[in-house]
Amino acid sequence: MGTIKQSVATFGVNRALKYLSKDPEKNIPKVMEMVDQFCPDDLFVAQRYAFRHAIETKNNWYQLLLHGVRDIDPGVRDNFFSSFLVNANLIGWPEQERNREKYGCNIPWAILLDPTNACNVHSTGCWAAEYGNRLDLTGDDIESIIRQGEALGCYFYIYTGGEPLVRKHDLMDICAAHPEATFMSFTNGTLIDEAFCQDMLRVKNFVPVLSVEGSAETTDARRGTGTYARVTHAMELLREHRLIFGISACVTRENESTIASEAYFQQMIDWGALFCWFFMFMPVGVDAAPELVPTPEQREHQIRFVREMRSKMPLFTMDFWGDSEYVGGCIAGGRRYLHINAAGDVDPCVFAHYSNANIHTSTLLEALQSPLFMAYHDNQPFNDNLMRPCPIIDNPPKLAEMVKASGAHSTDLQAPEDAGDLCAKCAPISLAWKPVSEGLWDSFQRASAEARAKRDAELAGKAAADDVDEVEDRTAASA
């Protein structure tokens, strides 16, 4: 990150943050103008339009923005703006695009990695190894991954596991060594305490994502008795220390009605969460239970409900499957992210435990150019219907075909699962979802076309008004 453009962007953000600190409500529109000034016209057009609309209408997104500006520790907030919004997006995204062209392969926006496969709880359907039966990435391994990732334009690192906070002291050291990057961690929350909150305030670039499956009953049913009480206590600590945090919800057949409810969304807001990631249960692993996968009707309801709540609730939500139309389908295989397990195997997806490459014998770029990753690159999107994005649960033959053609091997750390067996297990799920997804996709395409037309008309009107203002200014100046 050494170009003049990058330096100017950083300067602009620092200036914007000073405005925000003085008077958020008055200066948020000025900050948006600065973003437009430093951001290329063709970058994040829809997102910037949405933010401008939120500011003009003072809707639920505006309330979320105000919450983030007012209620988060200033040092944490400012670092998030610089490391995530600027480095990972305004600077990192164009660099990733250039490297995709240069190397002819996918380049990730985010890298998921497992610092350890150890965990202190036992969750139904989770493939994490038994606590104490540990396999870890060393500190040097993680440092190498980050250095190689940054060289490709990646400044966003997400810890999975296992329970990453089993190694929370090591992770804080890594955060301190890389203030230019944002580090996020999925966690059961049970290891967050006062001392760790102080550590997060010190490093400023660590964001925990706590796993909560709806109510106390549904969370404890999957993660063990008492887990819900411990994780809600962790959220109290995070809120008291004015730290950024989010929630991860694994949607199953048993908890979908609880998670897809207005009461649950309000509860997440009351806890102090800024965002929530929704993941559908995946029957990955030899002993996984396909009957926990949501029914087609539940999956459709979840997708529609999340979108409805986006127009009401001050909570940023991401649906790993349901939002695939916004990202052009599957984002795995390095297209937007990849996964590195605790043994160093580079998997295309956190749910696809197959690989040709390991960081101990390959560079990150070599892994991205490996046969399995290139198969993802050459076949994405896996379906023109973007409500069927996944090569595992939506288009199950695809994964088995790619694994076989590439000669990839299973990287499951407990019991290797043949890709053909996994896909066979998912075939009836895919078949049931297909007709529901087609109706959903048709309705979303119509809605998206209408939204684009409205946005384009408003942007054209704004551009015309700006041109008129410029002419009037020039006329006045020459008079």
Protein backbone atom coordinates (compact mmCIF):
# COMPACT_ATOMS: atom_id res chain seq x y z
CA MET A 1 0.00 0.00 0.00
CA GLY A 2 2.29 2.75 -1.15
CA THR A 3 0.68 4.58 -4.10
CA ILE A 4 -0.26 8.25 -4.12
CA LYS A 5 -3.91 7.27 -4.59
CA GLN A 6 -3.79 5.12 -1.48
CA SER A 7 -2.18 7.89 0.55
CA VAL A 8 -4.84 10.33 -0.60
CA ALA A 9 -7.60 7.86 0.33
CA THR A 10 -6.12 7.39 3.79
CA PHE A 11 -5.85 11.13 4.26
CA GLY A 12 -9.47 11.52 3.19
CA VAL A 13 -10.67 8.92 5.67
CA ASN A 14 -8.76 10.54 8.52
CA ARG A 15 -10.37 13.85 7.62
CA ALA A 16 -13.80 12.21 7.49
CA LEU A 17 -13.32 10.64 10.91
CA LYS A 18 -12.58 14.03 12.44
CA TYR A 19 -15.85 15.32 10.98
CA LEU A 20 -17.76 12.34 12.39
CA SER A 21 -16.34 12.76 15.88
CA LYS A 22 -17.41 16.41 16.11
CA ASP A 23 -21.06 16.12 15.06
CA PRO A 24 -22.15 12.77 13.57
CA GLU A 25 -25.65 13.75 12.43
CA LYS A 26 -24.50 16.97 10.80
CA ASN A 27 -21.37 15.57 9.18
CA ILE A 28 -22.40 12.08 7.97
CA PRO A 29 -23.56 13.58 4.61
CA LYS A 30 -20.17 15.31 4.25
CA VAL A 31 -18.40 12.01 4.86
CA MET A 32 -20.46 10.37 2.12
CA GLU A 33 -19.41 13.14 -0.25
CA MET A 34 -15.77 12.42 0.63
CA VAL A 35 -16.25 8.71 -0.05
CA ASP A 36 -17.70 9.55 -3.47
CA GLN A 37 -14.76 11.85 -4.12
CA PHE A 38 -12.09 9.23 -3.38
CA CYS A 39 -13.93 6.18 -4.71
CA PRO A 40 -13.81 5.42 -8.49
CA ASP A 41 -17.17 6.01 -10.17
CA ASP A 42 -17.63 2.33 -11.03
CA LEU A 43 -16.70 0.91 -7.59
CA PHE A 44 -19.45 -0.15 -5.12
CA VAL A 45 -22.08 1.86 -7.02
CA ALA A 46 -25.09 0.10 -5.49
CA GLN A 47 -23.64 0.19 -1.96
CA ARG A 48 -22.87 3.90 -2.13
CA TYR A 49 -26.33 4.59 -3.50
CA ALA A 50 -27.84 2.68 -0.58
CA PHE A 51 -25.84 4.71 1.93
CA ARG A 52 -26.83 7.99 0.31
CA HIS A 53 -30.48 6.92 0.33
CA ALA A 54 -30.21 5.98 4.01
CA ILE A 55 -28.74 9.37 4.87
CA GLU A 56 -31.39 11.27 2.91
CA THR A 57 -34.34 9.30 4.33
CA LYS A 58 -32.86 8.69 7.81
CA ASN A 59 -34.14 5.11 7.66
CA ASN A 60 -33.11 2.05 9.67
CA TRP A 61 -29.71 1.93 7.93
CA TYR A 62 -29.08 5.50 9.00
CA GLN A 63 -29.89 4.52 12.59
CA LEU A 64 -27.39 1.66 12.31
CA LEU A 65 -24.77 4.06 10.97
CA LEU A 66 -25.39 6.47 13.85
CA HIS A 67 -25.09 3.60 16.33
CA GLY A 68 -21.74 2.62 14.85
CA VAL A 69 -20.45 6.18 15.01
CA ARG A 70 -21.79 7.19 18.43
CA ASP A 71 -21.72 4.03 20.51
CA ILE A 72 -18.46 2.34 19.48
CA ASP A 73 -15.14 3.17 21.15
CA PRO A 74 -13.56 5.94 18.99
CA GLY A 75 -10.24 4.15 18.55
CA VAL A 76 -11.94 0.90 17.50
CA ARG A 77 -14.33 2.77 15.21
CA ASP A 78 -11.56 4.74 13.50
CA ASN A 79 -9.43 1.64 12.98
CA PHE A 80 -12.41 -0.19 11.46
CA PHE A 81 -12.90 2.63 8.98
CA SER A 82 -9.25 2.61 7.93
CA SER A 83 -8.48 -1.13 7.98
CA PHE A 84 -11.79 -2.50 6.70
CA LEU A 85 -13.53 0.20 4.66
CA VAL A 86 -10.36 1.65 3.13
CA ASN A 87 -7.75 -1.12 3.08
CA ALA A 88 -9.96 -4.20 2.60
CA ASN A 89 -12.35 -2.52 0.16
CA LEU A 90 -11.42 0.82 -1.43
CA ILE A 91 -7.75 -0.18 -1.78
CA GLY A 92 -7.82 -3.97 -1.57
CA TRP A 93 -10.66 -4.69 -3.99
CA PRO A 94 -9.10 -2.99 -7.05
CA GLU A 95 -5.75 -4.63 -6.23
CA GLN A 96 -7.46 -8.03 -6.11
CA GLU A 97 -9.03 -7.35 -9.50
CA ARG A 98 -5.66 -6.46 -11.01
CA ASN A 99 -4.12 -9.65 -9.62
CA ARG A 100 -6.98 -11.77 -10.95
CA GLU A 101 -6.16 -10.46 -14.39
CA LYS A 102 -2.42 -10.79 -13.89
CA TYR A 103 -2.38 -14.37 -12.57
CA GLY A 104 -5.45 -15.77 -14.33
CA CYS A 105 -7.00 -17.18 -11.17
CA ASN A 106 -9.31 -16.22 -8.33
CA ILE A 107 -7.94 -13.82 -5.69
CA PRO A 108 -9.78 -13.70 -2.34
CA TRP A 109 -11.28 -10.69 -0.60
CA ALA A 110 -11.20 -12.63 2.68
CA ILE A 111 -9.12 -15.53 3.96
CA LEU A 112 -10.64 -17.88 6.53
CA LEU A 113 -8.20 -19.83 8.64
CA ASP A 114 -8.34 -22.19 11.61
CA PRO A 115 -5.73 -21.27 14.24
CA THR A 116 -6.66 -24.53 15.98
CA ASN A 117 -9.10 -27.41 15.67
CA ALA A 118 -9.48 -27.55 19.45
CA CYS A 119 -12.82 -26.54 20.93
CA ASN A 120 -14.28 -26.26 24.42
CA VAL A 121 -17.88 -27.13 23.49
CA HIS A 122 -19.50 -29.92 21.48
CA SER A 123 -21.90 -28.62 18.83
CA THR A 124 -24.25 -30.86 16.87
CA GLY A 125 -23.12 -31.09 13.26
CA CYS A 126 -19.75 -29.40 13.85
CA TRP A 127 -16.63 -31.13 12.54
CA ALA A 128 -14.23 -29.58 15.09
CA ALA A 129 -11.94 -32.07 16.77
CA GLU A 130 -12.19 -33.03 20.41
CA TYR A 131 -10.90 -30.41 22.84
CA GLY A 132 -7.33 -31.29 23.79
CA ASN A 133 -6.76 -33.33 20.60
CA ARG A 134 -5.13 -30.28 19.07
CA LEU A 135 -3.78 -29.38 15.70
CA ASP A 136 -2.62 -25.76 15.35
CA LEU A 137 -1.31 -23.37 12.75
CA THR A 138 1.87 -21.89 14.19
CA GLY A 139 2.34 -18.15 14.61
CA ASP A 140 4.80 -18.25 11.71
CA ASP A 141 2.19 -20.04 9.57
CA ILE A 142 -0.39 -17.34 10.22
CA GLU A 143 2.12 -14.53 9.67
CA SER A 144 3.09 -16.06 6.33
CA ILE A 145 -0.55 -16.35 5.24
CA ILE A 146 -1.18 -12.69 6.08
CA ARG A 147 1.96 -11.46 4.32
CA GLN A 148 1.11 -13.44 1.19
CA GLY A 149 -2.52 -12.33 1.35
CA GLU A 150 -1.62 -8.64 1.62
CA ALA A 151 0.71 -8.97 -1.37
CA LEU A 152 -2.38 -9.99 -3.37
CA GLY A 153 -4.55 -7.18 -1.94
CA CYS A 154 -6.30 -9.07 0.89
CA TYR A 155 -6.67 -7.22 4.22
CA PHE A 156 -9.52 -9.20 5.78
CA TYR A 157 -8.86 -12.38 7.82
CA ILE A 158 -11.54 -14.49 9.49
CA TYR A 159 -10.74 -17.10 12.14
CA THR A 160 -12.80 -20.26 12.25
CA GLY A 161 -12.16 -23.56 14.02
CA GLY A 162 -12.36 -25.24 16.40
CA GLU A 163 -12.73 -22.42 18.86
CA PRO A 164 -10.22 -19.73 17.80
CA LEU A 165 -10.21 -18.05 21.22
CA VAL A 166 -8.53 -21.09 22.71
CA ARG A 167 -5.50 -19.18 21.32
CA LYS A 168 -6.75 -15.67 22.06
CA HIS A 169 -3.41 -14.36 23.34
CA ASP A 170 -1.64 -15.43 20.14
CA LEU A 171 -4.39 -13.84 18.06
CA MET A 172 -4.02 -10.52 19.86
CA ASP A 173 -0.29 -10.52 19.09
CA ILE A 174 -1.07 -11.02 15.40
CA CYS A 175 -3.62 -8.17 15.46
CA ALA A 176 -1.06 -5.87 17.05
CA ALA A 177 1.49 -6.78 14.37
CA HIS A 178 -0.96 -6.00 11.52
CA PRO A 179 -2.94 -2.82 12.33
CA GLU A 180 -3.56 -2.37 8.60
CA ALA A 181 -5.80 -5.48 8.48
CA THR A 182 -9.16 -6.41 9.98
CA PHE A 183 -9.43 -9.69 11.91
CA MET A 184 -12.78 -11.31 12.58
CA SER A 185 -13.42 -14.48 14.54
CA PHE A 186 -16.34 -16.85 14.77
CA THR A 187 -16.57 -17.89 18.41
CA ASN A 188 -18.89 -19.57 20.86
CA GLY A 189 -18.18 -16.57 23.12
CA THR A 190 -17.51 -18.58 26.27
CA LEU A 191 -13.86 -17.47 26.51
CA ILE A 192 -14.55 -13.73 26.29
CA ASP A 193 -13.83 -12.03 29.61
CA GLU A 194 -12.85 -8.61 31.00
CA ALA A 195 -9.15 -9.07 30.23
CA PHE A 196 -9.88 -10.05 26.63
CA CYS A 197 -12.12 -7.01 26.15
CA GLN A 198 -9.23 -4.84 27.30
CA ASP A 199 -6.98 -6.60 24.78
CA MET A 200 -9.47 -5.87 21.99
CA LEU A 201 -9.54 -2.20 22.96
CA ARG A 202 -5.75 -2.21 22.81
CA VAL A 203 -5.36 -3.74 19.32
CA LYS A 204 -8.56 -2.15 17.90
CA ASN A 205 -8.83 -4.44 14.83
CA PHE A 206 -10.43 -7.62 16.19
CA VAL A 207 -14.16 -8.28 15.72
CA PRO A 208 -15.79 -11.30 17.40
CA VAL A 209 -18.81 -13.01 15.82
CA LEU A 210 -20.71 -14.95 18.47
CA SER A 211 -22.66 -18.09 17.62
CA VAL A 212 -26.25 -17.93 18.87
CA GLU A 213 -28.96 -20.17 17.45
CA GLY A 214 -32.02 -18.20 18.50
CA SER A 215 -33.29 -18.83 22.02
CA ALA A 216 -31.63 -20.37 25.08
CA GLU A 217 -33.40 -23.63 24.30
CA THR A 218 -32.30 -23.87 20.65
CA THR A 219 -28.74 -22.66 21.35
CA ASP A 220 -28.16 -25.02 24.27
CA ALA A 221 -29.70 -27.88 22.28
CA ARG A 222 -26.95 -27.53 19.68
CA ARG A 223 -24.03 -26.24 21.78
CA GLY A 224 -24.60 -27.64 25.27
CA THR A 225 -26.44 -26.64 28.44
CA GLY A 226 -25.37 -23.25 29.80
CA THR A 227 -23.81 -22.01 26.54
CA TYR A 228 -26.54 -19.42 25.93
CA ALA A 229 -26.04 -17.83 29.36
CA ARG A 230 -22.29 -17.63 28.85
CA VAL A 231 -22.52 -16.12 25.38
CA THR A 232 -25.09 -13.50 26.43
CA HIS A 233 -22.78 -12.55 29.32
CA ALA A 234 -19.96 -12.13 26.77
CA MET A 235 -22.18 -9.78 24.76
CA GLU A 236 -22.86 -7.72 27.88
CA LEU A 237 -19.11 -7.28 28.35
CA LEU A 238 -18.58 -6.34 24.69
CA ARG A 239 -21.38 -3.79 24.81
CA GLU A 240 -20.11 -2.28 28.06
CA HIS A 241 -16.67 -1.83 26.48
CA ARG A 242 -18.21 -0.30 23.32
CA LEU A 243 -16.69 -2.95 21.06
CA ILE A 244 -17.86 -3.99 17.59
CA PHE A 245 -19.34 -7.46 17.49
CA GLY A 246 -21.75 -9.51 15.45
CA ILE A 247 -23.71 -12.74 15.63
CA SER A 248 -23.54 -15.93 13.60
CA ALA A 249 -26.70 -18.03 13.36
CA CYS A 250 -26.73 -21.54 11.92
CA VAL A 251 -30.24 -22.12 10.57
CA THR A 252 -31.56 -25.66 10.98
CA ARG A 253 -34.89 -27.36 10.50
CA GLU A 254 -35.38 -27.18 14.26
CA ASN A 255 -34.63 -23.48 14.87
CA GLU A 256 -35.67 -21.69 11.65
CA SER A 257 -38.96 -20.41 13.08
CA THR A 258 -37.10 -18.94 16.08
CA ILE A 259 -34.32 -17.30 14.05
CA ALA A 260 -36.61 -15.97 11.32
CA SER A 261 -38.68 -13.90 13.73
CA GLU A 262 -38.89 -10.19 14.41
CA ALA A 263 -38.43 -10.90 18.12
CA TYR A 264 -35.04 -12.52 17.48
CA PHE A 265 -33.87 -9.62 15.30
CA GLN A 266 -34.88 -7.18 18.00
CA GLN A 267 -33.05 -9.29 20.56
CA MET A 268 -29.83 -9.12 18.54
CA ILE A 269 -30.15 -5.33 18.37
CA ASP A 270 -30.80 -5.14 22.11
CA TRP A 271 -27.68 -7.23 22.75
CA GLY A 272 -25.69 -4.56 20.90
CA ALA A 273 -24.78 -6.50 17.75
CA LEU A 274 -24.07 -4.48 14.62
CA PHE A 275 -24.46 -7.38 12.19
CA CYS A 276 -25.51 -11.00 11.79
CA TRP A 277 -24.31 -13.72 9.42
CA PHE A 278 -26.82 -16.46 8.61
CA PHE A 279 -25.59 -19.87 7.58
CA MET A 280 -27.73 -22.83 6.60
CA PHE A 281 -26.84 -26.12 8.27
CA MET A 282 -24.71 -28.21 5.90
CA PRO A 283 -24.62 -32.02 6.17
CA VAL A 284 -20.83 -32.09 5.88
CA GLY A 285 -19.04 -34.96 7.58
CA VAL A 286 -19.56 -38.70 7.67
CA ASP A 287 -21.85 -38.51 10.70
CA ALA A 288 -23.71 -35.29 9.75
CA ALA A 289 -27.51 -35.43 9.90
CA PRO A 290 -29.21 -34.35 6.63
CA GLU A 291 -32.53 -34.13 8.49
CA LEU A 292 -31.23 -30.93 10.16
CA VAL A 293 -31.10 -29.11 6.81
CA PRO A 294 -34.01 -26.63 6.55
CA THR A 295 -36.90 -27.69 4.34
CA PRO A 296 -37.31 -25.84 1.01
CA GLU A 297 -40.23 -23.91 2.52
CA GLN A 298 -38.14 -22.92 5.54
CA ARG A 299 -35.23 -21.89 3.35
CA GLU A 300 -37.46 -19.66 1.21
CA HIS A 301 -39.05 -18.17 4.32
CA GLN A 302 -35.62 -17.43 5.84
CA ILE A 303 -34.40 -15.70 2.69
CA ARG A 304 -37.52 -13.57 2.31
CA PHE A 305 -37.69 -12.74 6.00
CA VAL A 306 -34.07 -11.52 6.18
CA ARG A 307 -34.73 -9.21 3.23
CA GLU A 308 -37.91 -7.91 4.85
CA MET A 309 -36.03 -7.12 8.08
CA ARG A 310 -33.45 -5.14 6.11
CA SER A 311 -36.11 -2.56 5.38
CA LYS A 312 -37.06 -2.28 9.07
CA MET A 313 -34.28 -3.13 11.48
CA PRO A 314 -31.00 -1.28 12.23
CA LEU A 315 -28.95 -4.46 11.82
CA PHE A 316 -26.60 -5.37 8.96
CA THR A 317 -27.43 -8.91 7.82
CA MET A 318 -25.70 -11.33 5.45
CA ASP A 319 -27.21 -14.60 4.27
CA PHE A 320 -24.46 -16.91 3.01
CA TRP A 321 -26.83 -18.57 0.50
CA GLY A 322 -29.78 -16.21 0.23
CA ASP A 323 -27.68 -13.20 -0.80
CA SER A 324 -25.88 -15.01 -3.62
CA GLU A 325 -27.53 -12.86 -6.29
CA TYR A 326 -25.64 -9.83 -4.97
CA VAL A 327 -22.25 -11.53 -5.38
CA GLY A 328 -22.83 -13.47 -8.58
CA GLY A 329 -23.25 -16.92 -7.04
CA CYS A 330 -20.71 -19.05 -5.19
CA ILE A 331 -17.86 -17.00 -3.69
CA ALA A 332 -15.68 -19.97 -2.68
CA GLY A 333 -12.57 -21.29 -4.41
CA GLY A 334 -10.87 -17.95 -3.78
CA ARG A 335 -13.39 -16.01 -5.88
CA ARG A 336 -14.05 -13.97 -2.77
CA TYR A 337 -12.76 -16.27 -0.04
CA LEU A 338 -10.97 -19.53 0.77
CA HIS A 339 -10.35 -21.63 3.86
CA ILE A 340 -7.13 -22.91 5.43
CA ASN A 341 -7.55 -25.59 8.09
CA ALA A 342 -5.39 -26.17 11.16
CA ALA A 343 -3.23 -28.67 9.25
CA GLY A 344 -2.46 -26.05 6.57
CA ASP A 345 -4.67 -27.57 3.85
CA VAL A 346 -6.09 -24.90 1.54
CA ASP A 347 -9.76 -25.72 0.95
CA PRO A 348 -11.98 -23.90 -1.55
CA CYS A 349 -14.72 -23.50 1.07
CA VAL A 350 -15.23 -23.92 4.79
CA PHE A 351 -17.81 -26.58 3.86
CA ALA A 352 -15.75 -28.29 1.11
CA HIS A 353 -12.96 -30.22 2.79
CA TYR A 354 -10.91 -31.14 -0.28
CA SER A 355 -7.61 -29.82 -1.54
CA ASN A 356 -4.55 -30.14 -3.78
CA ALA A 357 -2.42 -27.73 -1.76
CA ASN A 358 -1.02 -27.13 1.72
CA ILE A 359 0.61 -23.91 2.92
CA HIS A 360 3.59 -25.88 4.23
CA THR A 361 4.50 -26.98 0.70
CA SER A 362 2.81 -24.37 -1.53
CA THR A 363 2.53 -20.62 -1.64
CA LEU A 364 -0.89 -19.04 -1.38
CA LEU A 365 -0.77 -18.12 -5.07
CA GLU A 366 0.17 -21.69 -6.00
CA ALA A 367 -2.82 -22.93 -4.00
CA LEU A 368 -5.09 -20.50 -5.88
CA GLN A 369 -3.70 -21.88 -9.14
CA SER A 370 -4.01 -25.53 -8.03
CA PRO A 371 -6.30 -27.85 -10.05
CA LEU A 372 -9.27 -27.76 -7.64
CA PHE A 373 -9.21 -23.97 -7.28
CA MET A 374 -8.93 -23.54 -11.05
CA ALA A 375 -11.92 -25.88 -11.44
CA TYR A 376 -13.91 -23.50 -9.23
CA HIS A 377 -12.59 -20.54 -11.22
CA ASP A 378 -13.55 -22.10 -14.55
CA ASN A 379 -17.02 -23.30 -13.49
CA GLN A 380 -18.39 -20.39 -11.46
CA PRO A 381 -21.22 -19.59 -11.28
CA PHE A 382 -22.41 -23.16 -10.92
CA ASN A 383 -25.96 -22.30 -11.95
CA ASP A 384 -27.62 -19.44 -13.82
CA ASN A 385 -30.22 -19.51 -11.06
CA LEU A 386 -28.33 -17.65 -8.35
CA MET A 387 -30.70 -19.00 -5.72
CA ARG A 388 -28.87 -22.30 -6.38
CA PRO A 389 -25.27 -21.08 -5.90
CA CYS A 390 -23.60 -23.97 -4.09
CA PRO A 391 -21.79 -26.87 -5.80
CA ILE A 392 -22.48 -29.04 -2.74
CA ILE A 393 -26.09 -28.67 -1.62
CA ASP A 394 -27.65 -26.97 -4.68
CA ASN A 395 -25.72 -28.58 -7.56
CA PRO A 396 -24.21 -31.65 -5.88
CA PRO A 397 -22.70 -33.35 -8.93
CA LYS A 398 -20.46 -30.30 -9.43
CA LEU A 399 -18.31 -30.78 -6.34
CA ALA A 400 -17.79 -34.50 -6.95
CA GLU A 401 -16.87 -33.83 -10.59
CA MET A 402 -14.32 -31.13 -9.67
CA VAL A 403 -12.73 -33.18 -6.90
CA LYS A 404 -12.38 -36.20 -9.18
CA ALA A 405 -11.05 -34.24 -12.17
CA SER A 406 -8.53 -32.32 -10.05
CA GLY A 407 -7.31 -35.32 -8.07
CA ALA A 408 -8.00 -33.48 -4.80
CA HIS A 409 -8.06 -35.42 -1.54
CA SER A 410 -10.25 -35.13 1.56
CA THR A 411 -8.86 -32.83 4.24
CA ASP A 412 -11.39 -33.77 6.93
CA LEU A 413 -9.42 -33.92 10.16
CA GLN A 414 -11.59 -36.59 11.77
CA ALA A 415 -13.05 -38.94 9.17
CA PRO A 416 -12.36 -38.36 5.45
CA GLU A 417 -15.59 -38.16 3.45
CA ASP A 418 -15.69 -39.15 -0.20
CA ALA A 419 -17.00 -36.24 -2.30
CA GLY A 420 -19.30 -38.60 -4.16
CA ASP A 421 -20.87 -39.75 -0.88
CA LEU A 422 -21.36 -36.15 0.25
CA CYS A 423 -23.01 -35.21 -3.04
CA ALA A 424 -25.25 -38.29 -2.98
CA LYS A 425 -26.39 -37.24 0.49
CA CYS A 426 -27.24 -33.77 -0.85
CA ALA A 427 -28.96 -34.88 -4.08
CA PRO A 428 -32.52 -35.18 -2.65
CA ILE A 429 -32.11 -31.85 -0.85
CA SER A 430 -31.12 -30.20 -4.13
CA LEU A 431 -33.97 -31.82 -6.02
CA ALA A 432 -36.54 -30.58 -3.50
CA TRP A 433 -35.12 -27.03 -3.52
CA LYS A 434 -34.98 -26.65 -7.31
CA PRO A 435 -38.65 -25.77 -8.06
CA VAL A 436 -38.90 -23.47 -5.02
CA SER A 437 -35.67 -21.70 -5.97
CA GLU A 438 -36.87 -21.11 -9.54
CA GLY A 439 -39.93 -19.20 -8.38
CA LEU A 440 -37.81 -17.26 -5.91
CA TRP A 441 -35.19 -16.38 -8.52
CA ASP A 442 -37.82 -15.17 -11.01
CA SER A 443 -39.35 -12.85 -8.41
CA PHE A 444 -35.98 -11.51 -7.30
CA GLN A 445 -34.87 -10.84 -10.88
CA ARG A 446 -37.98 -8.73 -11.46
CA ALA A 447 -37.46 -6.85 -8.19
CA SER A 448 -33.77 -6.27 -8.94
CA ALA A 449 -34.54 -4.90 -12.42
CA GLU A 450 -37.05 -2.45 -10.95
CA ALA A 451 -34.60 -1.38 -8.22
CA ARG A 452 -31.79 -0.85 -10.76
CA ALA A 453 -34.04 1.21 -13.00
CA LYS A 454 -35.08 3.40 -10.08
CA ARG A 455 -31.46 3.81 -8.92
CA ASP A 456 -30.18 4.62 -12.42
CA ALA A 457 -32.92 7.21 -12.92
CA GLU A 458 -32.11 8.89 -9.61
CA LEU A 459 -28.37 8.88 -10.33
CA ALA A 460 -28.97 10.32 -13.80
CA GLY A 461 -31.16 13.03 -12.29
CA LYS A 462 -28.50 13.87 -9.72
CA ALA A 463 -25.80 14.04 -12.41
CA ALA A 464 -27.97 16.37 -14.51
CA ALA A 465 -28.62 18.61 -11.50
CA ASP A 466 -24.89 18.70 -10.73
CA ASP A 467 -24.18 19.75 -14.33
CA VAL A 468 -26.72 22.57 -14.07
CA ASP A 469 -25.17 23.75 -10.79
CA GLU A 470 -21.70 23.72 -12.36
CA VAL A 471 -22.86 25.81 -15.34
CA GLU A 472 -24.57 28.31 -13.03
CA ASP A 473 -21.43 28.56 -10.88
CA ARG A 474 -19.27 29.24 -13.94
CA THR A 475 -21.74 31.83 -15.25
CA ALA A 476 -21.79 33.60 -11.90
CA ALA A 477 -18.00 33.56 -11.69
CA SER A 478 -17.59 35.13 -15.15
CA ALA A 479 -20.26 37.78 -14.62
